[in-house]
Amino acid sequence: MTETTQYGVILVTASSQAEAIAIARALVQEKLAACVTLLPVHSIYTWQHEVHEAEEWQLLIKSEQGHFAVLERRIREIHSYEVPEVILLPVLAGSLPYLQWISEQVNPASDK
């Protein structure tokens, strides 16, 4: 890990637990994410000029910010929504051992 490595948490909502698990597994298996936490949520939002409510699943994806473009593209390939939420929040500080672990998981070159 270098001092310039930037970490992030990417927020994505999915329509079902099965879809959330499918996205999470793909991202971890493809080494785009170190870990994905899944939470059930109740969302209220506007879509096509109407207010909607839905039970969804929130994915909290831990990765390096440098993987965002590929990660977003992969999510859009798998996701059922026309316009899925894919938002990167920068990690301003974190436990050094945990951040190192993220780097080890998302950088295949670190496999020895």
N, C-alpha and C. Protein backbone atom coordinates (compact mmCIF):
# COMPACT_ATOMS: atom_id res chain seq x y z
N MET A 1 0.85 -1.19 0.00
CA MET A 1 0.00 0.00 0.00
C MET A 1 0.88 1.24 0.00
N THR A 2 0.50 2.25 -0.75
CA THR A 2 1.23 3.50 -0.76
C THR A 2 0.41 4.56 -0.05
N GLU A 3 1.07 5.64 0.31
CA GLU A 3 0.36 6.72 1.00
C GLU A 3 -0.67 7.38 0.09
N THR A 4 -0.52 7.25 -1.23
CA THR A 4 -1.45 7.89 -2.15
C THR A 4 -2.69 7.03 -2.44
N THR A 5 -2.70 5.81 -1.94
CA THR A 5 -3.88 4.96 -2.15
C THR A 5 -5.08 5.62 -1.50
N GLN A 6 -6.16 5.71 -2.27
CA GLN A 6 -7.39 6.31 -1.76
C GLN A 6 -8.47 5.25 -1.72
N TYR A 7 -9.13 5.17 -0.59
CA TYR A 7 -10.15 4.16 -0.39
C TYR A 7 -11.53 4.80 -0.47
N GLY A 8 -12.54 3.96 -0.73
CA GLY A 8 -13.89 4.47 -0.80
C GLY A 8 -14.91 3.42 -0.43
N VAL A 9 -16.09 3.90 -0.11
CA VAL A 9 -17.26 3.06 0.09
C VAL A 9 -18.23 3.44 -1.02
N ILE A 10 -18.66 2.46 -1.78
CA ILE A 10 -19.57 2.69 -2.88
C ILE A 10 -20.96 2.22 -2.45
N LEU A 11 -21.94 3.09 -2.59
CA LEU A 11 -23.32 2.78 -2.23
C LEU A 11 -24.08 2.35 -3.47
N VAL A 12 -24.78 1.23 -3.36
CA VAL A 12 -25.62 0.72 -4.44
C VAL A 12 -26.87 0.15 -3.79
N THR A 13 -28.05 0.42 -4.35
CA THR A 13 -29.26 -0.26 -3.89
C THR A 13 -29.67 -1.27 -4.96
N ALA A 14 -30.26 -2.37 -4.49
CA ALA A 14 -30.74 -3.43 -5.38
C ALA A 14 -32.19 -3.74 -5.05
N SER A 15 -32.88 -4.30 -6.01
CA SER A 15 -34.32 -4.55 -5.86
C SER A 15 -34.65 -5.72 -4.97
N SER A 16 -33.69 -6.63 -4.77
CA SER A 16 -33.96 -7.82 -3.95
C SER A 16 -32.68 -8.31 -3.30
N GLN A 17 -32.84 -9.16 -2.30
CA GLN A 17 -31.67 -9.75 -1.64
C GLN A 17 -30.88 -10.59 -2.64
N ALA A 18 -31.56 -11.33 -3.49
CA ALA A 18 -30.88 -12.18 -4.48
C ALA A 18 -30.03 -11.34 -5.43
N GLU A 19 -30.58 -10.22 -5.89
CA GLU A 19 -29.80 -9.35 -6.78
C GLU A 19 -28.61 -8.75 -6.04
N ALA A 20 -28.82 -8.32 -4.79
CA ALA A 20 -27.73 -7.76 -4.00
C ALA A 20 -26.61 -8.78 -3.81
N ILE A 21 -26.97 -10.01 -3.51
CA ILE A 21 -25.97 -11.07 -3.32
C ILE A 21 -25.22 -11.33 -4.63
N ALA A 22 -25.94 -11.36 -5.74
CA ALA A 22 -25.30 -11.60 -7.04
C ALA A 22 -24.28 -10.51 -7.37
N ILE A 23 -24.66 -9.27 -7.12
CA ILE A 23 -23.74 -8.15 -7.37
C ILE A 23 -22.54 -8.26 -6.44
N ALA A 24 -22.79 -8.47 -5.16
CA ALA A 24 -21.71 -8.55 -4.17
C ALA A 24 -20.73 -9.66 -4.51
N ARG A 25 -21.24 -10.84 -4.80
CA ARG A 25 -20.36 -11.98 -5.13
C ARG A 25 -19.51 -11.69 -6.36
N ALA A 26 -20.12 -11.13 -7.39
CA ALA A 26 -19.37 -10.83 -8.61
C ALA A 26 -18.24 -9.84 -8.32
N LEU A 27 -18.52 -8.80 -7.56
CA LEU A 27 -17.50 -7.79 -7.29
C LEU A 27 -16.36 -8.33 -6.45
N VAL A 28 -16.67 -9.16 -5.45
CA VAL A 28 -15.62 -9.74 -4.61
C VAL A 28 -14.83 -10.78 -5.39
N GLN A 29 -15.51 -11.66 -6.12
CA GLN A 29 -14.82 -12.69 -6.89
C GLN A 29 -13.92 -12.10 -7.97
N GLU A 30 -14.34 -10.97 -8.54
CA GLU A 30 -13.55 -10.32 -9.59
C GLU A 30 -12.52 -9.35 -9.03
N LYS A 31 -12.37 -9.33 -7.71
CA LYS A 31 -11.40 -8.49 -7.01
C LYS A 31 -11.59 -6.99 -7.27
N LEU A 32 -12.84 -6.59 -7.46
CA LEU A 32 -13.17 -5.18 -7.57
C LEU A 32 -13.53 -4.60 -6.22
N ALA A 33 -13.91 -5.46 -5.29
CA ALA A 33 -14.27 -5.06 -3.92
C ALA A 33 -13.64 -6.03 -2.95
N ALA A 34 -13.24 -5.50 -1.79
CA ALA A 34 -12.70 -6.36 -0.73
C ALA A 34 -13.82 -6.98 0.07
N CYS A 35 -14.90 -6.23 0.25
CA CYS A 35 -16.00 -6.66 1.10
C CYS A 35 -17.26 -5.89 0.68
N VAL A 36 -18.40 -6.57 0.78
CA VAL A 36 -19.67 -5.91 0.52
C VAL A 36 -20.61 -6.27 1.66
N THR A 37 -21.14 -5.27 2.32
CA THR A 37 -22.10 -5.46 3.40
C THR A 37 -23.49 -5.20 2.83
N LEU A 38 -24.45 -6.06 3.16
CA LEU A 38 -25.82 -5.94 2.65
C LEU A 38 -26.78 -5.63 3.79
N LEU A 39 -27.64 -4.64 3.56
CA LEU A 39 -28.61 -4.22 4.57
C LEU A 39 -29.98 -4.04 3.93
N PRO A 40 -31.05 -4.53 4.55
CA PRO A 40 -32.39 -4.23 4.02
C PRO A 40 -32.73 -2.78 4.34
N VAL A 41 -33.33 -2.09 3.36
CA VAL A 41 -33.71 -0.68 3.54
C VAL A 41 -35.08 -0.43 2.93
N HIS A 42 -35.72 0.64 3.37
CA HIS A 42 -36.98 1.10 2.81
C HIS A 42 -36.68 2.44 2.15
N SER A 43 -36.86 2.52 0.84
CA SER A 43 -36.51 3.72 0.09
C SER A 43 -37.76 4.46 -0.38
N ILE A 44 -37.68 5.78 -0.34
CA ILE A 44 -38.71 6.66 -0.89
C ILE A 44 -37.98 7.57 -1.88
N TYR A 45 -38.45 7.58 -3.13
CA TYR A 45 -37.73 8.31 -4.17
C TYR A 45 -38.68 8.72 -5.28
N THR A 46 -38.23 9.65 -6.10
CA THR A 46 -38.99 10.07 -7.27
C THR A 46 -38.40 9.38 -8.49
N TRP A 47 -39.27 8.76 -9.28
CA TRP A 47 -38.86 8.14 -10.55
C TRP A 47 -39.93 8.44 -11.58
N GLN A 48 -39.53 9.02 -12.70
CA GLN A 48 -40.42 9.39 -13.78
C GLN A 48 -41.59 10.24 -13.27
N HIS A 49 -41.26 11.24 -12.47
CA HIS A 49 -42.19 12.26 -11.97
C HIS A 49 -43.19 11.73 -10.95
N GLU A 50 -42.97 10.54 -10.39
CA GLU A 50 -43.86 9.98 -9.38
C GLU A 50 -43.05 9.57 -8.16
N VAL A 51 -43.65 9.73 -6.98
CA VAL A 51 -43.01 9.29 -5.75
C VAL A 51 -43.30 7.81 -5.55
N HIS A 52 -42.26 7.05 -5.29
CA HIS A 52 -42.36 5.60 -5.09
C HIS A 52 -41.79 5.23 -3.72
N GLU A 53 -42.23 4.10 -3.21
CA GLU A 53 -41.65 3.49 -2.01
C GLU A 53 -41.33 2.05 -2.34
N ALA A 54 -40.18 1.57 -1.85
CA ALA A 54 -39.80 0.20 -2.16
C ALA A 54 -38.92 -0.37 -1.06
N GLU A 55 -39.05 -1.67 -0.86
CA GLU A 55 -38.12 -2.40 -0.03
C GLU A 55 -36.94 -2.75 -0.93
N GLU A 56 -35.75 -2.35 -0.53
CA GLU A 56 -34.56 -2.59 -1.32
C GLU A 56 -33.46 -3.13 -0.43
N TRP A 57 -32.34 -3.45 -1.05
CA TRP A 57 -31.15 -3.87 -0.32
C TRP A 57 -30.03 -2.90 -0.61
N GLN A 58 -29.42 -2.38 0.45
CA GLN A 58 -28.30 -1.44 0.33
C GLN A 58 -27.00 -2.22 0.36
N LEU A 59 -26.16 -2.00 -0.63
CA LEU A 59 -24.83 -2.58 -0.65
C LEU A 59 -23.84 -1.51 -0.23
N LEU A 60 -22.98 -1.84 0.71
CA LEU A 60 -21.87 -0.98 1.13
C LEU A 60 -20.61 -1.68 0.64
N ILE A 61 -20.03 -1.17 -0.42
CA ILE A 61 -18.93 -1.82 -1.10
C ILE A 61 -17.62 -1.13 -0.72
N LYS A 62 -16.68 -1.90 -0.17
CA LYS A 62 -15.39 -1.34 0.23
C LYS A 62 -14.35 -1.67 -0.82
N SER A 63 -13.67 -0.62 -1.33
CA SER A 63 -12.69 -0.81 -2.38
C SER A 63 -11.72 0.37 -2.40
N GLU A 64 -10.87 0.37 -3.41
CA GLU A 64 -10.01 1.52 -3.67
C GLU A 64 -10.70 2.40 -4.70
N GLN A 65 -10.57 3.71 -4.56
CA GLN A 65 -11.23 4.64 -5.47
C GLN A 65 -10.78 4.44 -6.91
N GLY A 66 -9.55 4.00 -7.12
CA GLY A 66 -9.03 3.78 -8.46
C GLY A 66 -9.76 2.71 -9.24
N HIS A 67 -10.53 1.86 -8.56
CA HIS A 67 -11.29 0.80 -9.21
C HIS A 67 -12.71 1.25 -9.57
N PHE A 68 -13.06 2.50 -9.27
CA PHE A 68 -14.45 2.93 -9.41
C PHE A 68 -15.01 2.78 -10.83
N ALA A 69 -14.28 3.20 -11.84
CA ALA A 69 -14.82 3.16 -13.21
C ALA A 69 -15.15 1.73 -13.63
N VAL A 70 -14.26 0.79 -13.36
CA VAL A 70 -14.51 -0.61 -13.71
C VAL A 70 -15.63 -1.17 -12.85
N LEU A 71 -15.63 -0.83 -11.58
CA LEU A 71 -16.66 -1.29 -10.65
C LEU A 71 -18.04 -0.79 -11.09
N GLU A 72 -18.13 0.48 -11.43
CA GLU A 72 -19.41 1.03 -11.89
C GLU A 72 -19.89 0.33 -13.15
N ARG A 73 -18.99 0.14 -14.10
CA ARG A 73 -19.36 -0.53 -15.35
C ARG A 73 -19.87 -1.95 -15.07
N ARG A 74 -19.19 -2.68 -14.18
CA ARG A 74 -19.60 -4.04 -13.86
C ARG A 74 -20.97 -4.06 -13.17
N ILE A 75 -21.19 -3.14 -12.25
CA ILE A 75 -22.48 -3.06 -11.56
C ILE A 75 -23.60 -2.81 -12.58
N ARG A 76 -23.37 -1.89 -13.51
CA ARG A 76 -24.39 -1.56 -14.51
C ARG A 76 -24.69 -2.76 -15.42
N GLU A 77 -23.69 -3.62 -15.66
CA GLU A 77 -23.91 -4.82 -16.47
C GLU A 77 -24.82 -5.82 -15.76
N ILE A 78 -24.69 -5.93 -14.45
CA ILE A 78 -25.43 -6.92 -13.66
C ILE A 78 -26.79 -6.40 -13.21
N HIS A 79 -26.87 -5.12 -12.93
CA HIS A 79 -28.01 -4.52 -12.23
C HIS A 79 -29.29 -4.50 -13.07
N SER A 80 -30.43 -4.70 -12.42
CA SER A 80 -31.72 -4.69 -13.12
C SER A 80 -32.30 -3.29 -13.32
N TYR A 81 -31.84 -2.31 -12.56
CA TYR A 81 -32.38 -0.95 -12.68
C TYR A 81 -31.86 -0.26 -13.92
N GLU A 82 -32.71 0.55 -14.53
CA GLU A 82 -32.30 1.37 -15.68
C GLU A 82 -31.23 2.37 -15.26
N VAL A 83 -31.41 2.97 -14.06
CA VAL A 83 -30.46 3.94 -13.53
C VAL A 83 -30.12 3.54 -12.09
N PRO A 84 -29.18 2.63 -11.91
CA PRO A 84 -28.86 2.20 -10.54
C PRO A 84 -28.08 3.27 -9.79
N GLU A 85 -28.28 3.27 -8.47
CA GLU A 85 -27.47 4.12 -7.60
C GLU A 85 -26.06 3.53 -7.57
N VAL A 86 -25.07 4.35 -7.90
CA VAL A 86 -23.67 3.96 -7.76
C VAL A 86 -22.95 5.23 -7.33
N ILE A 87 -22.72 5.37 -6.02
CA ILE A 87 -22.16 6.60 -5.45
C ILE A 87 -20.90 6.25 -4.67
N LEU A 88 -19.82 6.94 -4.97
CA LEU A 88 -18.56 6.74 -4.26
C LEU A 88 -18.41 7.76 -3.15
N LEU A 89 -18.22 7.27 -1.93
CA LEU A 89 -17.92 8.14 -0.78
C LEU A 89 -16.47 7.89 -0.38
N PRO A 90 -15.65 8.93 -0.34
CA PRO A 90 -14.25 8.72 0.02
C PRO A 90 -14.11 8.38 1.51
N VAL A 91 -13.15 7.51 1.79
CA VAL A 91 -12.80 7.20 3.18
C VAL A 91 -11.70 8.20 3.56
N LEU A 92 -11.99 9.03 4.53
CA LEU A 92 -11.03 10.06 4.94
C LEU A 92 -9.97 9.52 5.89
N ALA A 93 -10.34 8.51 6.66
CA ALA A 93 -9.40 7.89 7.60
C ALA A 93 -9.91 6.50 7.91
N GLY A 94 -9.00 5.62 8.32
CA GLY A 94 -9.40 4.27 8.66
C GLY A 94 -8.26 3.54 9.35
N SER A 95 -8.59 2.43 9.92
CA SER A 95 -7.59 1.58 10.56
C SER A 95 -6.60 1.10 9.50
N LEU A 96 -5.32 1.35 9.70
CA LEU A 96 -4.29 1.00 8.72
C LEU A 96 -4.32 -0.49 8.37
N PRO A 97 -4.41 -1.40 9.35
CA PRO A 97 -4.48 -2.82 8.97
C PRO A 97 -5.69 -3.14 8.09
N TYR A 98 -6.83 -2.52 8.35
CA TYR A 98 -8.02 -2.77 7.53
C TYR A 98 -7.82 -2.21 6.12
N LEU A 99 -7.27 -1.01 6.00
CA LEU A 99 -7.03 -0.42 4.69
C LEU A 99 -6.03 -1.26 3.90
N GLN A 100 -5.00 -1.76 4.56
CA GLN A 100 -4.03 -2.64 3.89
C GLN A 100 -4.72 -3.90 3.39
N TRP A 101 -5.63 -4.44 4.21
CA TRP A 101 -6.37 -5.64 3.82
C TRP A 101 -7.19 -5.37 2.56
N ILE A 102 -7.85 -4.18 2.49
CA ILE A 102 -8.61 -3.83 1.28
C ILE A 102 -7.68 -3.88 0.07
N SER A 103 -6.52 -3.25 0.17
CA SER A 103 -5.58 -3.22 -0.96
C SER A 103 -5.16 -4.63 -1.37
N GLU A 104 -4.93 -5.49 -0.40
CA GLU A 104 -4.53 -6.87 -0.71
C GLU A 104 -5.63 -7.62 -1.46
N GLN A 105 -6.88 -7.32 -1.16
CA GLN A 105 -7.99 -8.04 -1.77
C GLN A 105 -8.32 -7.56 -3.18
N VAL A 106 -8.12 -6.29 -3.46
CA VAL A 106 -8.54 -5.73 -4.75
C VAL A 106 -7.39 -5.58 -5.76
N ASN A 107 -6.22 -5.98 -5.36
CA ASN A 107 -5.06 -5.90 -6.28
C ASN A 107 -4.53 -7.30 -6.51
N PRO A 108 -4.90 -7.92 -7.61
CA PRO A 108 -4.46 -9.30 -7.87
C PRO A 108 -2.94 -9.46 -7.86
N ALA A 109 -2.18 -8.40 -8.16
CA ALA A 109 -0.72 -8.50 -8.14
C ALA A 109 -0.19 -8.80 -6.74
N SER A 110 -1.02 -8.51 -5.71
CA SER A 110 -0.57 -8.77 -4.34
C SER A 110 -0.69 -10.24 -3.99
N ASP A 111 -1.34 -11.07 -4.85
CA ASP A 111 -1.42 -12.52 -4.60
C ASP A 111 -0.04 -13.11 -4.85
N LYS A 112 0.46 -13.82 -3.87
CA LYS A 112 1.82 -14.42 -4.02
C LYS A 112 1.76 -15.90 -3.87
